[in-house]
Amino acid sequence: MSEIFSLISKYISIITKQICEKYGYDEQTALRNFTSSETCRMLKNPELEMWEFCPDIIFEMWECEQITGNPRNSIYIRSK
């Protein structure tokens, strides 16, 4: 379980950096925006095993959530 926690922490760090780079947010704002999102709650849910996705897909899901209000509208989830 500690491996999964470590992986999730790494994903959060990577996605936070992606948010900073793309949207120009400072790191604290980007971290707060991501960790308060449904996408992050889904990432932390062990039943969903979202750590199987690469961080770029999780980032796309977060962006989709920002636009549509629901990360499940992502092309990566809808196509399954």
PDB file of N, CA and C in Angstrom:
ATOM      1  N   MET A   1       0.816  -1.192   0.000  1.00  0.00           N
ATOM      2  CA  MET A   1       0.000   0.000   0.000  1.00  0.00           C
ATOM      3  C   MET A   1       0.865   1.262   0.000  1.00  0.00           C
ATOM      4  N   SER A   2       2.031   1.205   0.652  1.00  0.00           N
ATOM      5  CA  SER A   2       2.906   2.378   0.685  1.00  0.00           C
ATOM      6  C   SER A   2       3.448   2.700  -0.706  1.00  0.00           C
ATOM      7  N   GLU A   3       3.602   1.675  -1.548  1.00  0.00           N
ATOM      8  CA  GLU A   3       4.039   1.921  -2.929  1.00  0.00           C
ATOM      9  C   GLU A   3       2.983   2.719  -3.685  1.00  0.00           C
ATOM     10  N   ILE A   4       1.734   2.386  -3.484  1.00  0.00           N
ATOM     11  CA  ILE A   4       0.637   3.089  -4.148  1.00  0.00           C
ATOM     12  C   ILE A   4       0.561   4.522  -3.637  1.00  0.00           C
ATOM     13  N   PHE A   5       0.693   4.720  -2.323  1.00  0.00           N
ATOM     14  CA  PHE A   5       0.676   6.060  -1.758  1.00  0.00           C
ATOM     15  C   PHE A   5       1.812   6.894  -2.338  1.00  0.00           C
ATOM     16  N   SER A   6       2.985   6.302  -2.453  1.00  0.00           N
ATOM     17  CA  SER A   6       4.141   6.990  -3.020  1.00  0.00           C
ATOM     18  C   SER A   6       3.893   7.362  -4.485  1.00  0.00           C
ATOM     19  N   LEU A   7       3.297   6.446  -5.230  1.00  0.00           N
ATOM     20  CA  LEU A   7       2.997   6.704  -6.635  1.00  0.00           C
ATOM     21  C   LEU A   7       1.970   7.824  -6.781  1.00  0.00           C
ATOM     22  N   ILE A   8       0.941   7.799  -5.944  1.00  0.00           N
ATOM     23  CA  ILE A   8      -0.080   8.853  -5.985  1.00  0.00           C
ATOM     24  C   ILE A   8       0.556  10.208  -5.647  1.00  0.00           C
ATOM     25  N   SER A   9       1.422  10.242  -4.664  1.00  0.00           N
ATOM     26  CA  SER A   9       2.115  11.489  -4.301  1.00  0.00           C
ATOM     27  C   SER A   9       2.952  12.005  -5.463  1.00  0.00           C
ATOM     28  N   LYS A  10       3.609  11.085  -6.142  1.00  0.00           N
ATOM     29  CA  LYS A  10       4.412  11.470  -7.313  1.00  0.00           C
ATOM     30  C   LYS A  10       3.509  12.021  -8.418  1.00  0.00           C
ATOM     31  N   TYR A  11       2.380  11.371  -8.656  1.00  0.00           N
ATOM     32  CA  TYR A  11       1.431  11.855  -9.665  1.00  0.00           C
ATOM     33  C   TYR A  11       0.943  13.260  -9.318  1.00  0.00           C
ATOM     34  N   ILE A  12       0.613  13.480  -8.056  1.00  0.00           N
ATOM     35  CA  ILE A  12       0.136  14.801  -7.639  1.00  0.00           C
ATOM     36  C   ILE A  12       1.205  15.855  -7.917  1.00  0.00           C
ATOM     37  N   SER A  13       2.436  15.534  -7.633  1.00  0.00           N
ATOM     38  CA  SER A  13       3.544  16.454  -7.887  1.00  0.00           C
ATOM     39  C   SER A  13       3.693  16.745  -9.388  1.00  0.00           C
ATOM     40  N   ILE A  14       3.645  15.715 -10.209  1.00  0.00           N
ATOM     41  CA  ILE A  14       3.782  15.873 -11.661  1.00  0.00           C
ATOM     42  C   ILE A  14       2.634  16.704 -12.221  1.00  0.00           C
ATOM     43  N   ILE A  15       1.431  16.392 -11.814  1.00  0.00           N
ATOM     44  CA  ILE A  15       0.251  17.097 -12.331  1.00  0.00           C
ATOM     45  C   ILE A  15       0.242  18.542 -11.863  1.00  0.00           C
ATOM     46  N   THR A  16       0.665  18.787 -10.628  1.00  0.00           N
ATOM     47  CA  THR A  16       0.769  20.158 -10.131  1.00  0.00           C
ATOM     48  C   THR A  16       1.721  20.966 -11.011  1.00  0.00           C
ATOM     49  N   LYS A  17       2.857  20.379 -11.368  1.00  0.00           N
ATOM     50  CA  LYS A  17       3.812  21.063 -12.250  1.00  0.00           C
ATOM     51  C   LYS A  17       3.199  21.328 -13.625  1.00  0.00           C
ATOM     52  N   GLN A  18       2.447  20.367 -14.145  1.00  0.00           N
ATOM     53  CA  GLN A  18       1.800  20.555 -15.443  1.00  0.00           C
ATOM     54  C   GLN A  18       0.812  21.724 -15.384  1.00  0.00           C
ATOM     55  N   ILE A  19       0.060  21.818 -14.300  1.00  0.00           N
ATOM     56  CA  ILE A  19      -0.902  22.909 -14.135  1.00  0.00           C
ATOM     57  C   ILE A  19      -0.161  24.247 -14.075  1.00  0.00           C
ATOM     58  N   CYS A  20       0.921  24.294 -13.325  1.00  0.00           N
ATOM     59  CA  CYS A  20       1.730  25.520 -13.235  1.00  0.00           C
ATOM     60  C   CYS A  20       2.238  25.943 -14.604  1.00  0.00           C
ATOM     61  N   GLU A  21       2.799  24.996 -15.336  1.00  0.00           N
ATOM     62  CA  GLU A  21       3.381  25.301 -16.640  1.00  0.00           C
ATOM     63  C   GLU A  21       2.340  25.751 -17.656  1.00  0.00           C
ATOM     64  N   LYS A  22       1.213  25.080 -17.690  1.00  0.00           N
ATOM     65  CA  LYS A  22       0.216  25.389 -18.714  1.00  0.00           C
ATOM     66  C   LYS A  22      -0.610  26.628 -18.377  1.00  0.00           C
ATOM     67  N   TYR A  23      -0.945  26.798 -17.085  1.00  0.00           N
ATOM     68  CA  TYR A  23      -1.869  27.870 -16.709  1.00  0.00           C
ATOM     69  C   TYR A  23      -1.199  29.030 -15.973  1.00  0.00           C
ATOM     70  N   GLY A  24       0.087  28.895 -15.677  1.00  0.00           N
ATOM     71  CA  GLY A  24       0.816  29.982 -15.037  1.00  0.00           C
ATOM     72  C   GLY A  24       0.480  30.193 -13.567  1.00  0.00           C
ATOM     73  N   TYR A  25      -0.137  29.201 -12.933  1.00  0.00           N
ATOM     74  CA  TYR A  25      -0.444  29.302 -11.512  1.00  0.00           C
ATOM     75  C   TYR A  25       0.830  29.106 -10.700  1.00  0.00           C
ATOM     76  N   ASP A  26       0.869  29.697  -9.519  1.00  0.00           N
ATOM     77  CA  ASP A  26       1.955  29.371  -8.608  1.00  0.00           C
ATOM     78  C   ASP A  26       1.714  27.954  -8.089  1.00  0.00           C
ATOM     79  N   GLU A  27       2.746  27.353  -7.523  1.00  0.00           N
ATOM     80  CA  GLU A  27       2.659  25.942  -7.130  1.00  0.00           C
ATOM     81  C   GLU A  27       1.576  25.681  -6.084  1.00  0.00           C
ATOM     82  N   GLN A  28       1.432  26.570  -5.127  1.00  0.00           N
ATOM     83  CA  GLN A  28       0.436  26.383  -4.063  1.00  0.00           C
ATOM     84  C   GLN A  28      -0.987  26.405  -4.632  1.00  0.00           C
ATOM     85  N   THR A  29      -1.249  27.334  -5.551  1.00  0.00           N
ATOM     86  CA  THR A  29      -2.576  27.429  -6.167  1.00  0.00           C
ATOM     87  C   THR A  29      -2.858  26.196  -7.009  1.00  0.00           C
ATOM     88  N   ALA A  30      -1.871  25.773  -7.786  1.00  0.00           N
ATOM     89  CA  ALA A  30      -2.039  24.582  -8.620  1.00  0.00           C
ATOM     90  C   ALA A  30      -2.296  23.349  -7.762  1.00  0.00           C
ATOM     91  N   LEU A  31      -1.541  23.212  -6.687  1.00  0.00           N
ATOM     92  CA  LEU A  31      -1.716  22.072  -5.788  1.00  0.00           C
ATOM     93  C   LEU A  31      -3.109  22.091  -5.166  1.00  0.00           C
ATOM     94  N   ARG A  32      -3.543  23.249  -4.718  1.00  0.00           N
ATOM     95  CA  ARG A  32      -4.875  23.373  -4.113  1.00  0.00           C
ATOM     96  C   ARG A  32      -5.968  23.051  -5.138  1.00  0.00           C
ATOM     97  N   ASN A  33      -5.815  23.564  -6.357  1.00  0.00           N
ATOM     98  CA  ASN A  33      -6.809  23.297  -7.399  1.00  0.00           C
ATOM     99  C   ASN A  33      -6.900  21.805  -7.714  1.00  0.00           C
ATOM    100  N   PHE A  34      -5.754  21.152  -7.791  1.00  0.00           N
ATOM    101  CA  PHE A  34      -5.795  19.729  -8.115  1.00  0.00           C
ATOM    102  C   PHE A  34      -6.302  18.890  -6.952  1.00  0.00           C
ATOM    103  N   THR A  35      -5.776  19.133  -5.759  1.00  0.00           N
ATOM    104  CA  THR A  35      -6.144  18.273  -4.627  1.00  0.00           C
ATOM    105  C   THR A  35      -7.595  18.455  -4.186  1.00  0.00           C
ATOM    106  N   SER A  36      -8.219  19.556  -4.563  1.00  0.00           N
ATOM    107  CA  SER A  36      -9.628  19.749  -4.218  1.00  0.00           C
ATOM    108  C   SER A  36     -10.562  19.269  -5.331  1.00  0.00           C
ATOM    109  N   SER A  37     -10.008  18.667  -6.365  1.00  0.00           N
ATOM    110  CA  SER A  37     -10.811  18.247  -7.519  1.00  0.00           C
ATOM    111  C   SER A  37     -11.350  16.821  -7.381  1.00  0.00           C
ATOM    112  N   GLU A  38     -12.392  16.558  -8.121  1.00  0.00           N
ATOM    113  CA  GLU A  38     -12.941  15.198  -8.221  1.00  0.00           C
ATOM    114  C   GLU A  38     -11.908  14.264  -8.843  1.00  0.00           C
ATOM    115  N   THR A  39     -11.129  14.781  -9.777  1.00  0.00           N
ATOM    116  CA  THR A  39     -10.090  13.975 -10.419  1.00  0.00           C
ATOM    117  C   THR A  39      -9.118  13.432  -9.378  1.00  0.00           C
ATOM    118  N   CYS A  40      -8.701  14.274  -8.453  1.00  0.00           N
ATOM    119  CA  CYS A  40      -7.779  13.836  -7.405  1.00  0.00           C
ATOM    120  C   CYS A  40      -8.448  12.826  -6.483  1.00  0.00           C
ATOM    121  N   ARG A  41      -9.718  13.062  -6.151  1.00  0.00           N
ATOM    122  CA  ARG A  41     -10.440  12.082  -5.312  1.00  0.00           C
ATOM    123  C   ARG A  41     -10.498  10.729  -6.019  1.00  0.00           C
ATOM    124  N   MET A  42     -10.707  10.752  -7.323  1.00  0.00           N
ATOM    125  CA  MET A  42     -10.737   9.502  -8.085  1.00  0.00           C
ATOM    126  C   MET A  42      -9.358   8.842  -8.078  1.00  0.00           C
ATOM    127  N   LEU A  43      -8.301   9.636  -8.229  1.00  0.00           N
ATOM    128  CA  LEU A  43      -6.938   9.106  -8.211  1.00  0.00           C
ATOM    129  C   LEU A  43      -6.638   8.423  -6.873  1.00  0.00           C
ATOM    130  N   LYS A  44      -7.117   8.987  -5.794  1.00  0.00           N
ATOM    131  CA  LYS A  44      -6.858   8.435  -4.461  1.00  0.00           C
ATOM    132  C   LYS A  44      -7.740   7.238  -4.120  1.00  0.00           C
ATOM    133  N   ASN A  45      -8.768   6.988  -4.899  1.00  0.00           N
ATOM    134  CA  ASN A  45      -9.687   5.879  -4.632  1.00  0.00           C
ATOM    135  C   ASN A  45      -9.048   4.564  -5.091  1.00  0.00           C
ATOM    136  N   PRO A  46      -8.704   3.668  -4.163  1.00  0.00           N
ATOM    137  CA  PRO A  46      -8.023   2.430  -4.543  1.00  0.00           C
ATOM    138  C   PRO A  46      -8.861   1.518  -5.433  1.00  0.00           C
ATOM    139  N   GLU A  47     -10.172   1.632  -5.361  1.00  0.00           N
ATOM    140  CA  GLU A  47     -11.035   0.777  -6.191  1.00  0.00           C
ATOM    141  C   GLU A  47     -10.932   1.135  -7.676  1.00  0.00           C
ATOM    142  N   LEU A  48     -10.609   2.385  -7.977  1.00  0.00           N
ATOM    143  CA  LEU A  48     -10.542   2.817  -9.383  1.00  0.00           C
ATOM    144  C   LEU A  48      -9.197   2.518 -10.037  1.00  0.00           C
ATOM    145  N   GLU A  49      -8.159   2.328  -9.229  1.00  0.00           N
ATOM    146  CA  GLU A  49      -6.814   2.008  -9.721  1.00  0.00           C
ATOM    147  C   GLU A  49      -6.364   2.963 -10.832  1.00  0.00           C
ATOM    148  N   MET A  50      -6.603   4.246 -10.632  1.00  0.00           N
ATOM    149  CA  MET A  50      -6.249   5.225 -11.660  1.00  0.00           C
ATOM    150  C   MET A  50      -4.748   5.426 -11.808  1.00  0.00           C
ATOM    151  N   TRP A  51      -3.952   4.920 -10.871  1.00  0.00           N
ATOM    152  CA  TRP A  51      -2.508   4.998 -11.007  1.00  0.00           C
ATOM    153  C   TRP A  51      -2.015   4.152 -12.176  1.00  0.00           C
ATOM    154  N   GLU A  52      -2.916   3.359 -12.751  1.00  0.00           N
ATOM    155  CA  GLU A  52      -2.580   2.589 -13.957  1.00  0.00           C
ATOM    156  C   GLU A  52      -2.487   3.502 -15.183  1.00  0.00           C
ATOM    157  N   PHE A  53      -3.135   4.669 -15.111  1.00  0.00           N
ATOM    158  CA  PHE A  53      -3.025   5.664 -16.182  1.00  0.00           C
ATOM    159  C   PHE A  53      -1.728   6.440 -16.012  1.00  0.00           C
ATOM    160  N   CYS A  54      -1.209   7.000 -17.096  1.00  0.00           N
ATOM    161  CA  CYS A  54      -0.040   7.866 -16.979  1.00  0.00           C
ATOM    162  C   CYS A  54      -0.488   9.237 -16.462  1.00  0.00           C
ATOM    163  N   PRO A  55       0.424  10.015 -15.890  1.00  0.00           N
ATOM    164  CA  PRO A  55       0.051  11.334 -15.364  1.00  0.00           C
ATOM    165  C   PRO A  55      -0.577  12.263 -16.416  1.00  0.00           C
ATOM    166  N   ASP A  56      -0.167  12.145 -17.663  1.00  0.00           N
ATOM    167  CA  ASP A  56      -0.742  12.996 -18.712  1.00  0.00           C
ATOM    168  C   ASP A  56      -2.242  12.751 -18.877  1.00  0.00           C
ATOM    169  N   ILE A  57      -2.668  11.533 -18.726  1.00  0.00           N
ATOM    170  CA  ILE A  57      -4.100  11.218 -18.826  1.00  0.00           C
ATOM    171  C   ILE A  57      -4.850  11.788 -17.629  1.00  0.00           C
ATOM    172  N   ILE A  58      -4.265  11.668 -16.440  1.00  0.00           N
ATOM    173  CA  ILE A  58      -4.897  12.232 -15.248  1.00  0.00           C
ATOM    174  C   ILE A  58      -5.000  13.750 -15.394  1.00  0.00           C
ATOM    175  N   PHE A  59      -3.953  14.367 -15.936  1.00  0.00           N
ATOM    176  CA  PHE A  59      -3.981  15.814 -16.176  1.00  0.00           C
ATOM    177  C   PHE A  59      -5.092  16.173 -17.159  1.00  0.00           C
ATOM    178  N   GLU A  60      -5.250  15.390 -18.204  1.00  0.00           N
ATOM    179  CA  GLU A  60      -6.316  15.644 -19.183  1.00  0.00           C
ATOM    180  C   GLU A  60      -7.680  15.506 -18.528  1.00  0.00           C
ATOM    181  N   MET A  61      -7.821  14.544 -17.644  1.00  0.00           N
ATOM    182  CA  MET A  61      -9.081  14.373 -16.921  1.00  0.00           C
ATOM    183  C   MET A  61      -9.370  15.593 -16.051  1.00  0.00           C
ATOM    184  N   TRP A  62      -8.330  16.118 -15.391  1.00  0.00           N
ATOM    185  CA  TRP A  62      -8.497  17.308 -14.569  1.00  0.00           C
ATOM    186  C   TRP A  62      -8.928  18.496 -15.437  1.00  0.00           C
ATOM    187  N   GLU A  63      -8.286  18.653 -16.587  1.00  0.00           N
ATOM    188  CA  GLU A  63      -8.674  19.739 -17.495  1.00  0.00           C
ATOM    189  C   GLU A  63     -10.126  19.577 -17.938  1.00  0.00           C
ATOM    190  N   CYS A  64     -10.510  18.363 -18.243  1.00  0.00           N
ATOM    191  CA  CYS A  64     -11.889  18.084 -18.649  1.00  0.00           C
ATOM    192  C   CYS A  64     -12.849  18.465 -17.524  1.00  0.00           C
ATOM    193  N   GLU A  65     -12.465  18.154 -16.305  1.00  0.00           N
ATOM    194  CA  GLU A  65     -13.295  18.520 -15.153  1.00  0.00           C
ATOM    195  C   GLU A  65     -13.428  20.041 -15.047  1.00  0.00           C
ATOM    196  N   GLN A  66     -12.348  20.763 -15.308  1.00  0.00           N
ATOM    197  CA  GLN A  66     -12.384  22.224 -15.224  1.00  0.00           C
ATOM    198  C   GLN A  66     -13.323  22.810 -16.279  1.00  0.00           C
ATOM    199  N   ILE A  67     -13.382  22.177 -17.436  1.00  0.00           N
ATOM    200  CA  ILE A  67     -14.205  22.683 -18.546  1.00  0.00           C
ATOM    201  C   ILE A  67     -15.659  22.235 -18.426  1.00  0.00           C
ATOM    202  N   THR A  68     -15.863  20.949 -18.138  1.00  0.00           N
ATOM    203  CA  THR A  68     -17.222  20.385 -18.164  1.00  0.00           C
ATOM    204  C   THR A  68     -17.827  20.171 -16.789  1.00  0.00           C
ATOM    205  N   GLY A  69     -16.981  20.201 -15.753  1.00  0.00           N
ATOM    206  CA  GLY A  69     -17.464  19.947 -14.406  1.00  0.00           C
ATOM    207  C   GLY A  69     -17.408  18.482 -14.009  1.00  0.00           C
ATOM    208  N   ASN A  70     -16.952  17.620 -14.931  1.00  0.00           N
ATOM    209  CA  ASN A  70     -16.924  16.189 -14.641  1.00  0.00           C
ATOM    210  C   ASN A  70     -15.728  15.530 -15.324  1.00  0.00           C
ATOM    211  N   PRO A  71     -14.789  14.963 -14.558  1.00  0.00           N
ATOM    212  CA  PRO A  71     -13.643  14.306 -15.176  1.00  0.00           C
ATOM    213  C   PRO A  71     -14.027  13.060 -15.973  1.00  0.00           C
ATOM    214  N   ARG A  72     -15.209  12.542 -15.711  1.00  0.00           N
ATOM    215  CA  ARG A  72     -15.656  11.344 -16.424  1.00  0.00           C
ATOM    216  C   ARG A  72     -16.029  11.633 -17.879  1.00  0.00           C
ATOM    217  N   ASN A  73     -16.020  12.915 -18.254  1.00  0.00           N
ATOM    218  CA  ASN A  73     -16.247  13.288 -19.651  1.00  0.00           C
ATOM    219  C   ASN A  73     -14.968  13.178 -20.482  1.00  0.00           C
ATOM    220  N   SER A  74     -13.880  12.803 -19.860  1.00  0.00           N
ATOM    221  CA  SER A  74     -12.603  12.649 -20.549  1.00  0.00           C
ATOM    222  C   SER A  74     -12.711  11.597 -21.653  1.00  0.00           C
ATOM    223  N   ILE A  75     -12.025  11.849 -22.741  1.00  0.00           N
ATOM    224  CA  ILE A  75     -12.027  10.873 -23.840  1.00  0.00           C
ATOM    225  C   ILE A  75     -11.433   9.543 -23.415  1.00  0.00           C
ATOM    226  N   TYR A  76     -10.583   9.561 -22.398  1.00  0.00           N
ATOM    227  CA  TYR A  76      -9.943   8.331 -21.952  1.00  0.00           C
ATOM    228  C   TYR A  76     -10.893   7.437 -21.159  1.00  0.00           C
ATOM    229  N   ILE A  77     -11.908   8.005 -20.581  1.00  0.00           N
ATOM    230  CA  ILE A  77     -12.898   7.214 -19.853  1.00  0.00           C
ATOM    231  C   ILE A  77     -14.079   6.883 -20.747  1.00  0.00           C
ATOM    232  N   ARG A  78     -14.522   7.844 -21.528  1.00  0.00           N
ATOM    233  CA  ARG A  78     -15.678   7.630 -22.402  1.00  0.00           C
ATOM    234  C   ARG A  78     -15.416   6.560 -23.448  1.00  0.00           C
ATOM    235  N   SER A  79     -14.166   6.411 -23.867  1.00  0.00           N
ATOM    236  CA  SER A  79     -13.862   5.463 -24.938  1.00  0.00           C
ATOM    237  C   SER A  79     -13.862   4.018 -24.480  1.00  0.00           C
ATOM    238  N   LYS A  80     -13.961   3.799 -23.168  1.00  0.00           N
ATOM    239  CA  LYS A  80     -13.926   2.418 -22.663  1.00  0.00           C
ATOM    240  C   LYS A  80     -15.293   1.816 -22.609  1.00  0.00           C
TER     241      LYS A  80
END
